Amino acid sequence: MKYSFSFKEINYGSIEIESDHEPDNGDVIDAIMNGGAYYDNTEYEDISRTGDKALNMGANDKGEKEAVQDYVILRSIAFENNQGFALACDLDAPDPFVTWQFTEDESGKRDYYWGHYAINKERATMDYEHRISVFMRDYGISEKDAYKYYSTQRPVDIATYPETDNGPVHFVNFDKREAVESGRMLAWGYLIYDAPLTDKQISDYELRAAPDNPDMKKRIHEQTQTVGIWEDENRVPDNKRYTWHKPSIQGFALREPAVTPEQLEQRYAYAFRELTAAAERRNAPKPIAEQLAEAAKLVERNESVKSDKKQNRDER
């Protein structure tokens, strides 16, 4: 069955795609981000009807979307100096896409300014990525809460990395393959994205995620707590532990840089299996034969106690 994607006048025309399912949220997002809405036999007259659904891609972890002057933030990147750039969309505006620079205060509130407006996503995306590259070149400053991926097998070039709606925002090639992340790995360069790549994308292009990526920080923290509990329960010697007790967080911290995320991942997989199996053993009912044997022993003990009491009474 065919489903059509109808595009606004700014994109001049329409396309059709083959699909074996009803258009889902991902289909809507693809269409909206190219300036249109999907339809099945009936075209939407008001393109904004699908806007709220599609623009959930700009939502935070709680599903809340940040909007500025009715423009919904789709992508953003912040730097260590608390400045950054954002790409936003308002499908009802004459120029539906805009890129802004912003300044972030201590509470995380952002002040947006210097808007560059565009009639389609492609122009806005090019402007967004250009502004970021120029800013980084001029100020030589690092990203904050961005996603860095190292190219470990080859220099970054065409077809050596995944192209997504979230980047890469920019990339850097080294003069030669260099040690990075305190010598944890060798890389030819790195790429920066607004959002995390999937495990498949990372594997397909032989990339390595930087340990400081927001999603990696969370993952490493959770794995460290599990490994720490397992090491405690198994009384692992200090010189063989991957974790240590950190009172300030009331939990465990990773022994960095001695222990790499890859080593932690391996021990976590083993520790998780062991802890899960132990919990299942504790909660699992005992075999019937074992239960009957224990019951027989209990009856025998009770009979013995009764016999002793009777004997004591007879002696008195």
Protein backbone atom coordinates (compact mmCIF):
# COMPACT_ATOMS: atom_id res chain seq x y z
CA MET A 1 0.00 0.00 0.00
CA LYS A 2 1.25 3.51 -0.79
CA TYR A 3 1.19 6.41 1.62
CA SER A 4 1.84 9.91 0.31
CA PHE A 5 3.78 12.69 1.91
CA SER A 6 2.39 16.04 0.83
CA PHE A 7 4.84 18.92 1.03
CA LYS A 8 4.21 22.61 1.47
CA GLU A 9 4.77 24.98 -1.39
CA ILE A 10 8.24 25.88 -0.14
CA ASN A 11 9.48 22.44 -1.04
CA TYR A 12 7.83 22.32 -4.46
CA GLY A 13 5.97 19.07 -4.86
CA SER A 14 5.39 15.75 -3.17
CA ILE A 15 6.76 12.25 -2.97
CA GLU A 16 5.31 8.84 -2.25
CA ILE A 17 6.77 6.03 -0.20
CA GLU A 18 5.97 2.34 -0.06
CA SER A 19 4.93 1.18 3.40
CA ASP A 20 3.31 -1.90 4.89
CA HIS A 21 2.05 -0.08 7.98
CA GLU A 22 -0.06 2.90 8.91
CA PRO A 23 2.04 6.08 9.08
CA ASP A 24 3.50 6.27 12.57
CA ASN A 25 5.12 9.05 14.56
CA GLY A 26 8.45 8.51 12.84
CA ASP A 27 6.84 8.92 9.42
CA VAL A 28 5.16 12.11 10.56
CA ILE A 29 8.42 13.49 11.92
CA ASP A 30 10.20 12.84 8.63
CA ALA A 31 7.45 14.59 6.71
CA ILE A 32 7.09 17.56 9.03
CA MET A 33 10.85 18.11 9.17
CA ASN A 34 10.78 18.43 5.39
CA GLY A 35 7.92 20.87 5.54
CA GLY A 36 4.87 18.66 5.03
CA ALA A 37 2.28 16.32 6.50
CA TYR A 38 1.33 12.77 5.65
CA TYR A 39 -2.02 11.68 4.38
CA ASP A 40 -3.80 8.48 3.44
CA ASN A 41 -6.16 9.28 0.55
CA THR A 42 -7.07 12.62 2.18
CA GLU A 43 -4.55 15.43 2.35
CA TYR A 44 -4.42 17.53 5.49
CA GLU A 45 -5.53 21.05 4.70
CA ASP A 46 -4.07 22.44 7.91
CA ILE A 47 -0.49 21.25 8.09
CA SER A 48 -0.19 22.25 11.76
CA ARG A 49 -2.61 19.47 12.75
CA THR A 50 0.27 17.03 12.86
CA GLY A 51 2.79 19.49 14.21
CA ASP A 52 2.40 18.77 17.92
CA LYS A 53 2.77 15.05 17.35
CA ALA A 54 5.80 15.36 15.13
CA LEU A 55 7.64 17.97 17.13
CA ASN A 56 7.82 15.68 20.14
CA MET A 57 11.27 14.91 18.77
CA GLY A 58 12.28 18.17 20.44
CA ALA A 59 10.98 17.06 23.83
CA ASN A 60 13.04 16.48 26.95
CA ASP A 61 13.06 13.30 29.06
CA LYS A 62 9.70 14.26 30.58
CA GLY A 63 8.09 14.79 27.18
CA GLU A 64 8.10 18.57 27.63
CA LYS A 65 9.01 20.74 24.65
CA GLU A 66 10.81 24.06 24.88
CA ALA A 67 9.22 26.69 22.67
CA VAL A 68 10.47 30.20 21.90
CA GLN A 69 8.09 32.61 20.17
CA ASP A 70 6.01 29.57 19.08
CA TYR A 71 9.11 27.91 17.59
CA VAL A 72 9.78 24.46 19.05
CA ILE A 73 13.45 23.65 19.72
CA LEU A 74 14.48 20.63 17.65
CA ARG A 75 18.24 20.63 18.15
CA SER A 76 20.63 22.49 20.41
CA ILE A 77 24.22 22.40 21.55
CA ALA A 78 25.83 24.21 24.49
CA PHE A 79 29.49 24.99 25.18
CA GLU A 80 31.57 25.23 28.33
CA ASN A 81 31.19 29.03 28.36
CA ASN A 82 27.40 28.59 28.68
CA GLN A 83 26.70 29.80 25.17
CA GLY A 84 25.31 27.73 22.34
CA PHE A 85 23.05 27.42 19.31
CA ALA A 86 19.59 26.01 18.64
CA LEU A 87 17.55 24.96 15.63
CA ALA A 88 13.77 25.45 15.94
CA CYS A 89 10.60 25.09 13.89
CA ASP A 90 7.16 26.76 13.71
CA LEU A 91 5.18 25.29 10.82
CA ASP A 92 2.69 28.16 10.85
CA ALA A 93 5.33 30.88 10.47
CA PRO A 94 6.22 32.42 7.07
CA ASP A 95 9.79 31.20 7.66
CA PRO A 96 9.21 27.89 9.46
CA PHE A 97 12.81 27.30 10.59
CA VAL A 98 15.23 29.40 12.59
CA THR A 99 18.64 29.10 14.22
CA TRP A 100 19.44 31.11 17.34
CA GLN A 101 22.44 31.72 19.51
CA PHE A 102 21.72 31.53 23.23
CA THR A 103 23.27 32.20 26.62
CA GLU A 104 22.51 29.86 29.54
CA ASP A 105 22.40 31.07 33.15
CA GLU A 106 23.27 29.06 36.27
CA SER A 107 19.74 27.66 36.54
CA GLY A 108 19.85 26.41 32.93
CA LYS A 109 17.46 29.06 31.61
CA ARG A 110 18.36 30.17 28.11
CA ASP A 111 18.17 33.61 26.50
CA TYR A 112 17.84 33.29 22.70
CA TYR A 113 18.98 35.97 20.25
CA TRP A 114 20.44 36.63 16.77
CA GLY A 115 17.92 34.57 14.86
CA HIS A 116 18.65 33.42 11.31
CA TYR A 117 15.38 32.45 9.58
CA ALA A 118 14.96 29.96 6.72
CA ILE A 119 12.16 28.57 4.58
CA ASN A 120 13.25 24.93 4.81
CA LYS A 121 15.05 22.51 7.05
CA GLU A 122 18.07 22.06 4.78
CA ARG A 123 19.02 25.75 4.82
CA ALA A 124 18.45 25.99 8.56
CA THR A 125 20.53 22.90 9.26
CA MET A 126 23.43 24.19 7.14
CA ASP A 127 23.29 27.52 8.99
CA TYR A 128 23.09 25.78 12.38
CA GLU A 129 26.14 23.63 11.71
CA HIS A 130 28.07 26.54 10.14
CA ARG A 131 27.46 28.79 13.15
CA ILE A 132 28.69 26.05 15.49
CA SER A 133 31.85 25.42 13.44
CA VAL A 134 32.71 29.12 13.27
CA PHE A 135 32.09 29.57 16.99
CA MET A 136 34.33 26.65 17.89
CA ARG A 137 37.06 27.81 15.52
CA ASP A 138 36.99 31.38 16.84
CA TYR A 139 36.78 30.55 20.56
CA GLY A 140 38.49 27.16 20.73
CA ILE A 141 35.99 25.93 23.30
CA SER A 142 34.57 22.48 24.04
CA GLU A 143 30.99 21.29 23.83
CA LYS A 144 28.87 20.67 26.91
CA ASP A 145 26.29 17.86 26.93
CA ALA A 146 27.11 16.94 23.33
CA TYR A 147 27.87 13.47 22.00
CA LYS A 148 31.39 12.73 20.82
CA TYR A 149 32.33 9.62 18.83
CA TYR A 150 35.87 8.64 17.91
CA SER A 151 36.73 7.21 14.52
CA THR A 152 39.11 4.45 15.56
CA GLN A 153 39.83 2.69 12.26
CA ARG A 154 40.14 5.45 9.65
CA PRO A 155 40.16 9.24 9.19
CA VAL A 156 36.71 10.85 9.07
CA ASP A 157 35.63 11.11 5.44
CA ILE A 158 32.61 10.58 3.20
CA ALA A 159 30.66 7.41 4.06
CA THR A 160 32.72 6.74 7.20
CA TYR A 161 30.07 7.95 9.67
CA PRO A 162 26.26 7.90 10.07
CA GLU A 163 24.39 10.96 8.87
CA THR A 164 21.39 11.68 11.09
CA ASP A 165 18.95 14.50 11.81
CA ASN A 166 21.16 15.28 14.80
CA GLY A 167 24.44 15.57 13.00
CA PRO A 168 27.27 15.31 12.87
CA VAL A 169 27.43 18.97 13.77
CA HIS A 170 31.14 18.96 12.96
CA PHE A 171 34.15 16.66 12.96
CA VAL A 172 37.89 16.83 13.54
CA ASN A 173 40.65 14.78 11.91
CA PHE A 174 44.03 14.37 13.60
CA ASP A 175 47.31 14.45 11.66
CA LYS A 176 47.82 10.81 12.61
CA ARG A 177 46.22 8.14 14.73
CA GLU A 178 46.51 9.43 18.30
CA ALA A 179 45.89 8.16 21.81
CA VAL A 180 42.76 9.75 23.30
CA GLU A 181 40.84 9.62 26.59
CA SER A 182 43.98 9.19 28.71
CA GLY A 183 45.34 6.51 26.42
CA ARG A 184 42.23 4.34 26.51
CA MET A 185 42.00 4.13 22.72
CA LEU A 186 43.60 5.21 19.46
CA ALA A 187 41.62 7.36 17.04
CA TRP A 188 42.01 9.17 13.72
CA GLY A 189 39.54 11.88 14.71
CA TYR A 190 36.12 12.43 16.19
CA LEU A 191 32.59 13.59 15.36
CA ILE A 192 30.09 15.61 17.41
CA TYR A 193 26.34 14.92 17.42
CA ASP A 194 23.41 16.62 19.17
CA ALA A 195 21.91 13.28 20.23
CA PRO A 196 23.28 9.79 20.87
CA LEU A 197 23.84 7.30 18.07
CA THR A 198 22.37 3.82 18.30
CA ASP A 199 24.54 0.85 19.20
CA LYS A 200 24.09 -0.41 15.63
CA GLN A 201 25.28 2.88 14.12
CA ILE A 202 28.33 2.86 16.38
CA SER A 203 29.12 -0.74 15.46
CA ASP A 204 28.47 -0.36 11.72
CA TYR A 205 30.92 2.53 11.42
CA GLU A 206 33.43 1.22 13.99
CA LEU A 207 33.12 4.28 16.21
CA ARG A 208 33.75 4.53 19.96
CA ALA A 209 31.65 6.71 22.23
CA ALA A 210 33.47 9.14 24.49
CA PRO A 211 33.05 8.23 28.20
CA ASP A 212 31.88 11.79 28.96
CA ASN A 213 28.85 11.56 26.66
CA PRO A 214 25.68 12.23 28.69
CA ASP A 215 24.22 8.79 27.95
CA MET A 216 27.55 7.10 28.67
CA LYS A 217 27.88 8.88 32.02
CA LYS A 218 24.50 7.53 33.10
CA ARG A 219 25.28 4.05 31.81
CA ILE A 220 28.69 3.94 33.49
CA HIS A 221 27.21 5.17 36.79
CA GLU A 222 24.50 2.48 36.78
CA GLN A 223 26.94 -0.28 35.83
CA THR A 224 29.39 0.89 38.50
CA GLN A 225 26.75 0.56 41.24
CA THR A 226 25.90 -3.00 40.15
CA VAL A 227 29.56 -4.03 39.95
CA GLY A 228 30.27 -2.43 43.33
CA ILE A 229 27.50 -4.42 45.01
CA TRP A 230 28.75 -7.65 43.40
CA GLU A 231 32.35 -6.94 44.45
CA ASP A 232 31.21 -6.33 48.03
CA GLU A 233 29.15 -9.51 48.18
CA ASN A 234 32.02 -11.55 46.77
CA ARG A 235 34.66 -9.81 48.92
CA VAL A 236 36.81 -8.96 45.91
CA PRO A 237 40.28 -7.79 47.09
CA ASP A 238 40.97 -4.07 46.76
CA ASN A 239 43.71 -4.59 44.18
CA LYS A 240 41.27 -6.44 41.93
CA ARG A 241 38.22 -4.21 42.39
CA TYR A 242 36.93 -2.00 39.59
CA THR A 243 35.05 0.24 42.02
CA TRP A 244 35.57 2.03 45.32
CA HIS A 245 33.21 3.40 47.96
CA LYS A 246 32.60 7.12 47.51
CA PRO A 247 30.83 8.57 50.57
CA SER A 248 29.92 11.86 48.87
CA ILE A 249 27.56 10.05 46.48
CA GLN A 250 26.63 7.30 48.96
CA GLY A 251 27.57 4.74 46.37
CA PHE A 252 30.40 3.43 44.24
CA ALA A 253 32.76 5.19 41.82
CA LEU A 254 34.80 3.69 39.00
CA ARG A 255 38.55 3.40 39.42
CA GLU A 256 39.49 5.70 36.57
CA PRO A 257 41.53 5.79 34.41
CA ALA A 258 42.81 2.33 35.34
CA VAL A 259 39.46 0.73 34.46
CA THR A 260 38.04 1.43 31.01
CA PRO A 261 34.32 1.52 30.13
CA GLU A 262 34.86 -1.66 28.08
CA GLN A 263 36.33 -3.50 31.08
CA LEU A 264 33.48 -2.25 33.25
CA GLU A 265 30.96 -3.47 30.65
CA GLN A 266 32.42 -6.98 30.76
CA ARG A 267 32.42 -7.22 34.54
CA TYR A 268 28.95 -5.68 34.71
CA ALA A 269 27.55 -8.37 32.38
CA TYR A 270 28.99 -11.10 34.62
CA ALA A 271 27.98 -9.37 37.87
CA PHE A 272 24.43 -8.77 36.63
CA ARG A 273 24.00 -12.44 35.74
CA GLU A 274 25.39 -13.54 39.11
CA LEU A 275 23.26 -11.14 41.14
CA THR A 276 20.13 -12.01 39.16
CA ALA A 277 20.72 -15.74 39.58
CA ALA A 278 21.30 -15.31 43.31
CA ALA A 279 18.06 -13.33 43.69
CA GLU A 280 16.16 -16.00 41.78
CA ARG A 281 17.61 -18.72 43.98
CA ARG A 282 16.57 -16.85 47.11
CA ASN A 283 13.02 -16.36 45.83
CA ALA A 284 12.55 -19.75 44.16
CA PRO A 285 10.52 -22.39 46.04
CA LYS A 286 12.51 -25.38 47.22
CA PRO A 287 12.00 -28.76 45.49
CA ILE A 288 9.15 -30.89 46.93
CA ALA A 289 11.54 -33.61 48.11
CA GLU A 290 13.61 -31.05 50.01
CA GLN A 291 10.49 -29.48 51.54
CA LEU A 292 9.23 -32.94 52.69
CA ALA A 293 12.62 -33.80 54.18
CA GLU A 294 12.69 -30.51 56.13
CA ALA A 295 9.12 -31.10 57.31
CA ALA A 296 10.03 -34.59 58.51
CA LYS A 297 12.99 -33.20 60.44
CA LEU A 298 10.77 -30.55 62.01
CA VAL A 299 8.23 -33.19 63.08
CA GLU A 300 11.03 -35.32 64.49
CA ARG A 301 12.38 -32.38 66.51
CA ASN A 302 8.93 -31.56 67.83
CA GLU A 303 8.33 -35.18 68.87
CA SER A 304 11.71 -35.22 70.61
CA VAL A 305 10.84 -32.06 72.54
CA LYS A 306 7.48 -33.51 73.59
CA SER A 307 9.16 -36.73 74.75
CA ASP A 308 11.69 -34.79 76.84
CA LYS A 309 8.96 -32.74 78.50
CA LYS A 310 6.94 -35.89 79.34
CA GLN A 311 10.02 -37.54 80.81
CA ASN A 312 10.70 -34.50 82.99
CA ARG A 313 7.12 -34.53 84.30
CA ASP A 314 7.32 -38.27 85.10
CA GLU A 315 10.56 -37.78 87.00
CA ARG A 316 8.98 -35.06 89.15
